[in-house]
Amino acid sequence: EEELKLFLQNFSASARALTDKETKEFLAAGDSDADG
């Protein structure tokens, strides 16, 4: 989750962090085995 929060910064150091809501939605979309 913490790495996802900073996901956009992997594309540009000045990009914003994802909000908690965005991070949780992104994680839920990708975490098909529900291991967090």
All heavy atoms as atom14 arrays in JSON, in Angstrom:
{
  "sequence": "EEELKLFLQNFSASARALTDKETKEFLAAGDSDADG",
  "atom14_mask": [
    [1, 1, 1, 1, 1, 1, 1, 1, 1, 0, 0, 0, 0, 0],
    [1, 1, 1, 1, 1, 1, 1, 1, 1, 0, 0, 0, 0, 0],
    [1, 1, 1, 1, 1, 1, 1, 1, 1, 0, 0, 0, 0, 0],
    [1, 1, 1, 1, 1, 1, 1, 1, 0, 0, 0, 0, 0, 0],
    [1, 1, 1, 1, 1, 1, 1, 1, 1, 0, 0, 0, 0, 0],
    [1, 1, 1, 1, 1, 1, 1, 1, 0, 0, 0, 0, 0, 0],
    [1, 1, 1, 1, 1, 1, 1, 1, 1, 1, 1, 0, 0, 0],
    [1, 1, 1, 1, 1, 1, 1, 1, 0, 0, 0, 0, 0, 0],
    [1, 1, 1, 1, 1, 1, 1, 1, 1, 0, 0, 0, 0, 0],
    [1, 1, 1, 1, 1, 1, 1, 1, 0, 0, 0, 0, 0, 0],
    [1, 1, 1, 1, 1, 1, 1, 1, 1, 1, 1, 0, 0, 0],
    [1, 1, 1, 1, 1, 1, 0, 0, 0, 0, 0, 0, 0, 0],
    [1, 1, 1, 1, 1, 0, 0, 0, 0, 0, 0, 0, 0, 0],
    [1, 1, 1, 1, 1, 1, 0, 0, 0, 0, 0, 0, 0, 0],
    [1, 1, 1, 1, 1, 0, 0, 0, 0, 0, 0, 0, 0, 0],
    [1, 1, 1, 1, 1, 1, 1, 1, 1, 1, 1, 0, 0, 0],
    [1, 1, 1, 1, 1, 0, 0, 0, 0, 0, 0, 0, 0, 0],
    [1, 1, 1, 1, 1, 1, 1, 1, 0, 0, 0, 0, 0, 0],
    [1, 1, 1, 1, 1, 1, 1, 0, 0, 0, 0, 0, 0, 0],
    [1, 1, 1, 1, 1, 1, 1, 1, 0, 0, 0, 0, 0, 0],
    [1, 1, 1, 1, 1, 1, 1, 1, 1, 0, 0, 0, 0, 0],
    [1, 1, 1, 1, 1, 1, 1, 1, 1, 0, 0, 0, 0, 0],
    [1, 1, 1, 1, 1, 1, 1, 0, 0, 0, 0, 0, 0, 0],
    [1, 1, 1, 1, 1, 1, 1, 1, 1, 0, 0, 0, 0, 0],
    [1, 1, 1, 1, 1, 1, 1, 1, 1, 0, 0, 0, 0, 0],
    [1, 1, 1, 1, 1, 1, 1, 1, 1, 1, 1, 0, 0, 0],
    [1, 1, 1, 1, 1, 1, 1, 1, 0, 0, 0, 0, 0, 0],
    [1, 1, 1, 1, 1, 0, 0, 0, 0, 0, 0, 0, 0, 0],
    [1, 1, 1, 1, 1, 0, 0, 0, 0, 0, 0, 0, 0, 0],
    [1, 1, 1, 1, 0, 0, 0, 0, 0, 0, 0, 0, 0, 0],
    [1, 1, 1, 1, 1, 1, 1, 1, 0, 0, 0, 0, 0, 0],
    [1, 1, 1, 1, 1, 1, 0, 0, 0, 0, 0, 0, 0, 0],
    [1, 1, 1, 1, 1, 1, 1, 1, 0, 0, 0, 0, 0, 0],
    [1, 1, 1, 1, 1, 0, 0, 0, 0, 0, 0, 0, 0, 0],
    [1, 1, 1, 1, 1, 1, 1, 1, 0, 0, 0, 0, 0, 0],
    [1, 1, 1, 1, 0, 0, 0, 0, 0, 0, 0, 0, 0, 0]
  ],
  "atom14_positions": [
    [[0.81, -1.22, 0.0], [0.0, 0.0, 0.0], [0.84, 1.27, 0.0], [0.55, 2.21, -0.74], [-0.95, -0.01, 1.21], [-2.0, 1.06, 1.15], [-3.09, 0.9, 2.18], [-3.32, -0.22, 2.68], [-3.74, 1.91, 2.48], [0.0, 0.0, 0.0], [0.0, 0.0, 0.0], [0.0, 0.0, 0.0], [0.0, 0.0, 0.0], [0.0, 0.0, 0.0]],
    [[1.9, 1.32, 0.8], [2.74, 2.52, 0.84], [3.44, 2.78, -0.49], [3.62, 3.93, -0.89], [3.75, 2.45, 1.99], [3.15, 2.8, 3.34], [2.46, 4.17, 3.35], [3.08, 5.18, 2.97], [1.28, 4.22, 3.75], [0.0, 0.0, 0.0], [0.0, 0.0, 0.0], [0.0, 0.0, 0.0], [0.0, 0.0, 0.0], [0.0, 0.0, 0.0]],
    [[3.82, 1.72, -1.18], [4.45, 1.88, -2.5], [3.42, 2.35, -3.52], [3.74, 3.16, -4.4], [5.1, 0.56, -2.94], [6.31, 0.2, -2.11], [6.78, -1.23, -2.29], [5.94, -2.14, -2.42], [8.0, -1.42, -2.29], [0.0, 0.0, 0.0], [0.0, 0.0, 0.0], [0.0, 0.0, 0.0], [0.0, 0.0, 0.0], [0.0, 0.0, 0.0]],
    [[2.19, 1.87, -3.4], [1.13, 2.33, -4.3], [0.81, 3.8, -4.09], [0.54, 4.52, -5.04], [-0.16, 1.52, -4.09], [-0.28, 0.21, -4.83], [-1.64, -0.42, -4.55], [-0.08, 0.36, -6.31], [0.0, 0.0, 0.0], [0.0, 0.0, 0.0], [0.0, 0.0, 0.0], [0.0, 0.0, 0.0], [0.0, 0.0, 0.0], [0.0, 0.0, 0.0]],
    [[0.84, 4.24, -2.85], [0.54, 5.64, -2.54], [1.48, 6.57, -3.31], [1.09, 7.63, -3.77], [0.66, 5.88, -1.03], [0.18, 7.24, -0.59], [0.09, 7.28, 0.91], [-0.71, 8.43, 1.41], [-2.09, 8.46, 1.03], [0.0, 0.0, 0.0], [0.0, 0.0, 0.0], [0.0, 0.0, 0.0], [0.0, 0.0, 0.0], [0.0, 0.0, 0.0]],
    [[2.72, 6.13, -3.5], [3.73, 6.94, -4.19], [3.89, 6.53, -5.66], [4.86, 6.9, -6.31], [5.07, 6.81, -3.46], [5.04, 7.2, -1.98], [6.39, 6.96, -1.34], [4.59, 8.64, -1.8], [0.0, 0.0, 0.0], [0.0, 0.0, 0.0], [0.0, 0.0, 0.0], [0.0, 0.0, 0.0], [0.0, 0.0, 0.0], [0.0, 0.0, 0.0]],
    [[2.93, 5.79, -6.18], [2.99, 5.23, -7.53], [3.33, 6.27, -8.6], [4.2, 6.05, -9.43], [1.65, 4.55, -7.86], [1.59, 4.01, -9.24], [2.24, 2.83, -9.56], [0.9, 4.67, -10.25], [2.2, 2.31, -10.85], [0.85, 4.17, -11.54], [1.5, 3.0, -11.84], [0.0, 0.0, 0.0], [0.0, 0.0, 0.0], [0.0, 0.0, 0.0]],
    [[2.65, 7.41, -8.6], [2.85, 8.42, -9.64], [4.26, 8.99, -9.61], [4.79, 9.4, -10.65], [1.81, 9.54, -9.52], [0.36, 9.13, -9.73], [-0.57, 10.32, -9.5], [0.15, 8.55, -11.12], [0.0, 0.0, 0.0], [0.0, 0.0, 0.0], [0.0, 0.0, 0.0], [0.0, 0.0, 0.0], [0.0, 0.0, 0.0], [0.0, 0.0, 0.0]],
    [[4.89, 8.99, -8.46], [6.24, 9.53, -8.34], [7.28, 8.64, -9.03], [8.41, 9.07, -9.24], [6.58, 9.77, -6.87], [5.71, 10.87, -6.3], [5.85, 11.04, -4.81], [6.67, 10.41, -4.16], [5.02, 11.9, -4.24], [0.0, 0.0, 0.0], [0.0, 0.0, 0.0], [0.0, 0.0, 0.0], [0.0, 0.0, 0.0], [0.0, 0.0, 0.0]],
    [[6.89, 7.42, -9.39], [7.77, 6.57, -10.19], [7.87, 7.08, -11.63], [8.76, 6.7, -12.37], [7.27, 5.12, -10.2], [7.44, 4.46, -8.85], [8.55, 4.21, -8.42], [6.34, 4.2, -8.19], [0.0, 0.0, 0.0], [0.0, 0.0, 0.0], [0.0, 0.0, 0.0], [0.0, 0.0, 0.0], [0.0, 0.0, 0.0], [0.0, 0.0, 0.0]],
    [[6.93, 7.92, -12.02], [6.9, 8.49, -13.37], [7.5, 9.89, -13.38], [8.06, 10.31, -14.38], [5.47, 8.54, -13.89], [4.89, 7.18, -14.13], [4.28, 6.48, -13.1], [4.97, 6.58, -15.38], [3.77, 5.21, -13.31], [4.46, 5.31, -15.6], [3.85, 4.61, -14.55], [0.0, 0.0, 0.0], [0.0, 0.0, 0.0], [0.0, 0.0, 0.0]],
    [[7.36, 10.61, -12.28], [7.92, 11.95, -12.14], [8.07, 12.26, -10.66], [7.1, 12.13, -9.9], [6.99, 12.99, -12.79], [7.44, 14.31, -12.49], [0.0, 0.0, 0.0], [0.0, 0.0, 0.0], [0.0, 0.0, 0.0], [0.0, 0.0, 0.0], [0.0, 0.0, 0.0], [0.0, 0.0, 0.0], [0.0, 0.0, 0.0], [0.0, 0.0, 0.0]],
    [[9.26, 12.66, -10.26], [9.52, 12.94, -8.84], [8.6, 14.02, -8.28], [8.3, 14.03, -7.09], [10.98, 13.33, -8.65], [0.0, 0.0, 0.0], [0.0, 0.0, 0.0], [0.0, 0.0, 0.0], [0.0, 0.0, 0.0], [0.0, 0.0, 0.0], [0.0, 0.0, 0.0], [0.0, 0.0, 0.0], [0.0, 0.0, 0.0], [0.0, 0.0, 0.0]],
    [[8.12, 14.9, -9.15], [7.27, 16.0, -8.68], [5.78, 15.65, -8.69], [4.95, 16.47, -8.31], [7.5, 17.25, -9.53], [7.13, 16.99, -10.88], [0.0, 0.0, 0.0], [0.0, 0.0, 0.0], [0.0, 0.0, 0.0], [0.0, 0.0, 0.0], [0.0, 0.0, 0.0], [0.0, 0.0, 0.0], [0.0, 0.0, 0.0], [0.0, 0.0, 0.0]],
    [[5.44, 14.43, -9.09], [4.03, 14.03, -9.12], [3.49, 13.92, -7.69], [4.23, 13.69, -6.74], [3.88, 12.7, -9.85], [0.0, 0.0, 0.0], [0.0, 0.0, 0.0], [0.0, 0.0, 0.0], [0.0, 0.0, 0.0], [0.0, 0.0, 0.0], [0.0, 0.0, 0.0], [0.0, 0.0, 0.0], [0.0, 0.0, 0.0], [0.0, 0.0, 0.0]],
    [[2.19, 14.03, -7.59], [1.55, 13.97, -6.27], [1.46, 12.52, -5.78], [1.55, 11.58, -6.56], [0.14, 14.57, -6.35], [-0.84, 13.73, -7.15], [-2.25, 14.33, -7.13], [-3.2, 13.53, -7.88], [-3.9, 12.52, -7.37], [-3.75, 12.18, -6.11], [-4.76, 11.84, -8.11], [0.0, 0.0, 0.0], [0.0, 0.0, 0.0], [0.0, 0.0, 0.0]],
    [[1.26, 12.39, -4.49], [0.96, 11.07, -3.92], [-0.52, 10.79, -4.16], [-1.33, 11.72, -4.23], [1.27, 11.06, -2.43], [0.0, 0.0, 0.0], [0.0, 0.0, 0.0], [0.0, 0.0, 0.0], [0.0, 0.0, 0.0], [0.0, 0.0, 0.0], [0.0, 0.0, 0.0], [0.0, 0.0, 0.0], [0.0, 0.0, 0.0], [0.0, 0.0, 0.0]],
    [[-0.87, 9.52, -4.28], [-2.27, 9.16, -4.39], [-2.95, 9.41, -3.05], [-2.32, 9.28, -1.99], [-2.43, 7.69, -4.78], [-1.9, 7.28, -6.15], [-2.12, 5.78, -6.37], [-2.55, 8.07, -7.26], [0.0, 0.0, 0.0], [0.0, 0.0, 0.0], [0.0, 0.0, 0.0], [0.0, 0.0, 0.0], [0.0, 0.0, 0.0], [0.0, 0.0, 0.0]],
    [[-4.22, 9.75, -3.08], [-4.98, 9.9, -1.84], [-5.2, 8.52, -1.23], [-5.02, 7.49, -1.89], [-6.35, 10.56, -2.1], [-7.15, 9.66, -2.9], [-6.22, 11.92, -2.78], [0.0, 0.0, 0.0], [0.0, 0.0, 0.0], [0.0, 0.0, 0.0], [0.0, 0.0, 0.0], [0.0, 0.0, 0.0], [0.0, 0.0, 0.0], [0.0, 0.0, 0.0]],
    [[-5.6, 8.48, 0.02], [-5.88, 7.2, 0.67], [-6.97, 6.44, -0.09], [-6.88, 5.23, -0.27], [-6.29, 7.4, 2.12], [-5.12, 7.82, 3.0], [-3.95, 7.65, 2.59], [-5.38, 8.32, 4.11], [0.0, 0.0, 0.0], [0.0, 0.0, 0.0], [0.0, 0.0, 0.0], [0.0, 0.0, 0.0], [0.0, 0.0, 0.0], [0.0, 0.0, 0.0]],
    [[-7.99, 7.16, -0.53], [-9.09, 6.54, -1.27], [-8.57, 5.93, -2.58], [-8.89, 4.78, -2.91], [-10.17, 7.59, -1.56], [-11.32, 7.08, -2.4], [-12.31, 8.19, -2.73], [-13.35, 7.69, -3.7], [-14.05, 8.75, -4.37], [0.0, 0.0, 0.0], [0.0, 0.0, 0.0], [0.0, 0.0, 0.0], [0.0, 0.0, 0.0], [0.0, 0.0, 0.0]],
    [[-7.78, 6.69, -3.33], [-7.22, 6.19, -4.6], [-6.33, 4.98, -4.36], [-6.38, 4.0, -5.11], [-6.4, 7.3, -5.29], [-7.23, 8.42, -5.85], [-6.37, 9.58, -6.31], [-5.37, 9.91, -5.63], [-6.7, 10.17, -7.35], [0.0, 0.0, 0.0], [0.0, 0.0, 0.0], [0.0, 0.0, 0.0], [0.0, 0.0, 0.0], [0.0, 0.0, 0.0]],
    [[-5.51, 5.06, -3.32], [-4.59, 3.96, -3.02], [-5.36, 2.69, -2.7], [-5.04, 1.61, -3.22], [-3.67, 4.36, -1.83], [-2.97, 5.56, -2.16], [-2.68, 3.25, -1.53], [0.0, 0.0, 0.0], [0.0, 0.0, 0.0], [0.0, 0.0, 0.0], [0.0, 0.0, 0.0], [0.0, 0.0, 0.0], [0.0, 0.0, 0.0], [0.0, 0.0, 0.0]],
    [[-6.38, 2.79, -1.87], [-7.17, 1.62, -1.49], [-7.92, 1.04, -2.7], [-8.0, -0.18, -2.87], [-8.12, 1.97, -0.36], [-7.39, 2.18, 0.96], [-8.3, 2.43, 2.11], [-7.57, 2.8, 3.39], [-6.38, 2.07, 3.69], [0.0, 0.0, 0.0], [0.0, 0.0, 0.0], [0.0, 0.0, 0.0], [0.0, 0.0, 0.0], [0.0, 0.0, 0.0]],
    [[-8.45, 1.91, -3.56], [-9.14, 1.44, -4.77], [-8.17, 0.75, -5.73], [-8.48, -0.28, -6.32], [-9.84, 2.61, -5.47], [-11.06, 3.1, -4.72], [-11.67, 4.37, -5.33], [-11.1, 4.93, -6.29], [-12.73, 4.79, -4.82], [0.0, 0.0, 0.0], [0.0, 0.0, 0.0], [0.0, 0.0, 0.0], [0.0, 0.0, 0.0], [0.0, 0.0, 0.0]],
    [[-6.99, 1.33, -5.88], [-5.94, 0.78, -6.75], [-5.51, -0.6, -6.22], [-5.42, -1.57, -6.97], [-4.76, 1.76, -6.76], [-3.75, 1.58, -7.85], [-3.92, 0.74, -8.93], [-2.56, 2.31, -7.79], [-2.96, 0.6, -9.92], [-1.59, 2.18, -8.77], [-1.79, 1.32, -9.84], [0.0, 0.0, 0.0], [0.0, 0.0, 0.0], [0.0, 0.0, 0.0]],
    [[-5.3, -0.69, -4.92], [-4.91, -1.96, -4.3], [-6.01, -3.01, -4.47], [-5.75, -4.15, -4.87], [-4.59, -1.76, -2.82], [-4.17, -3.0, -2.04], [-2.9, -3.6, -2.62], [-3.96, -2.66, -0.57], [0.0, 0.0, 0.0], [0.0, 0.0, 0.0], [0.0, 0.0, 0.0], [0.0, 0.0, 0.0], [0.0, 0.0, 0.0], [0.0, 0.0, 0.0]],
    [[-7.25, -2.62, -4.23], [-8.37, -3.56, -4.37], [-8.49, -4.06, -5.8], [-8.8, -5.24, -6.04], [-9.67, -2.89, -3.91], [0.0, 0.0, 0.0], [0.0, 0.0, 0.0], [0.0, 0.0, 0.0], [0.0, 0.0, 0.0], [0.0, 0.0, 0.0], [0.0, 0.0, 0.0], [0.0, 0.0, 0.0], [0.0, 0.0, 0.0], [0.0, 0.0, 0.0]],
    [[-8.24, -3.2, -6.77], [-8.35, -3.59, -8.18], [-7.28, -4.6, -8.57], [-7.52, -5.49, -9.38], [-8.24, -2.35, -9.07], [0.0, 0.0, 0.0], [0.0, 0.0, 0.0], [0.0, 0.0, 0.0], [0.0, 0.0, 0.0], [0.0, 0.0, 0.0], [0.0, 0.0, 0.0], [0.0, 0.0, 0.0], [0.0, 0.0, 0.0], [0.0, 0.0, 0.0]],
    [[-6.1, -4.49, -7.97], [-4.99, -5.35, -8.37], [-4.77, -6.57, -7.5], [-4.15, -7.54, -7.93], [0.0, 0.0, 0.0], [0.0, 0.0, 0.0], [0.0, 0.0, 0.0], [0.0, 0.0, 0.0], [0.0, 0.0, 0.0], [0.0, 0.0, 0.0], [0.0, 0.0, 0.0], [0.0, 0.0, 0.0], [0.0, 0.0, 0.0], [0.0, 0.0, 0.0]],
    [[-5.29, -6.55, -6.3], [-5.03, -7.61, -5.33], [-6.05, -8.74, -5.48], [-6.95, -8.9, -4.66], [-5.06, -7.03, -3.91], [-4.74, -8.05, -2.84], [-4.16, -9.1, -3.16], [-5.08, -7.79, -1.67], [0.0, 0.0, 0.0], [0.0, 0.0, 0.0], [0.0, 0.0, 0.0], [0.0, 0.0, 0.0], [0.0, 0.0, 0.0], [0.0, 0.0, 0.0]],
    [[-5.88, -9.56, -6.51], [-6.88, -10.59, -6.82], [-6.92, -11.72, -5.8], [-7.94, -12.39, -5.66], [-6.64, -11.16, -8.22], [-5.36, -11.76, -8.3], [0.0, 0.0, 0.0], [0.0, 0.0, 0.0], [0.0, 0.0, 0.0], [0.0, 0.0, 0.0], [0.0, 0.0, 0.0], [0.0, 0.0, 0.0], [0.0, 0.0, 0.0], [0.0, 0.0, 0.0]],
    [[-5.83, -11.93, -5.05], [-5.84, -13.01, -4.05], [-6.08, -12.5, -2.63], [-6.0, -13.25, -1.67], [-4.57, -13.85, -4.12], [-3.3, -13.04, -3.83], [-3.4, -11.85, -3.47], [-2.21, -13.62, -3.97], [0.0, 0.0, 0.0], [0.0, 0.0, 0.0], [0.0, 0.0, 0.0], [0.0, 0.0, 0.0], [0.0, 0.0, 0.0], [0.0, 0.0, 0.0]],
    [[-6.39, -11.21, -2.51], [-6.78, -10.58, -1.23], [-5.73, -10.76, -0.12], [-6.09, -10.89, 1.04], [-8.15, -11.09, -0.78], [0.0, 0.0, 0.0], [0.0, 0.0, 0.0], [0.0, 0.0, 0.0], [0.0, 0.0, 0.0], [0.0, 0.0, 0.0], [0.0, 0.0, 0.0], [0.0, 0.0, 0.0], [0.0, 0.0, 0.0], [0.0, 0.0, 0.0]],
    [[-4.45, -10.69, -0.5], [-3.41, -10.79, 0.53], [-2.88, -9.42, 0.97], [-1.93, -9.33, 1.73], [-2.26, -11.69, 0.06], [-1.51, -11.15, -1.15], [-1.92, -10.11, -1.71], [-0.5, -11.78, -1.54], [0.0, 0.0, 0.0], [0.0, 0.0, 0.0], [0.0, 0.0, 0.0], [0.0, 0.0, 0.0], [0.0, 0.0, 0.0], [0.0, 0.0, 0.0]],
    [[-3.49, -8.35, 0.47], [-3.12, -7.01, 0.89], [-1.94, -6.41, 0.15], [-1.42, -5.37, 0.54], [0.0, 0.0, 0.0], [0.0, 0.0, 0.0], [0.0, 0.0, 0.0], [0.0, 0.0, 0.0], [0.0, 0.0, 0.0], [0.0, 0.0, 0.0], [0.0, 0.0, 0.0], [0.0, 0.0, 0.0], [0.0, 0.0, 0.0], [0.0, 0.0, 0.0]]
  ]
}
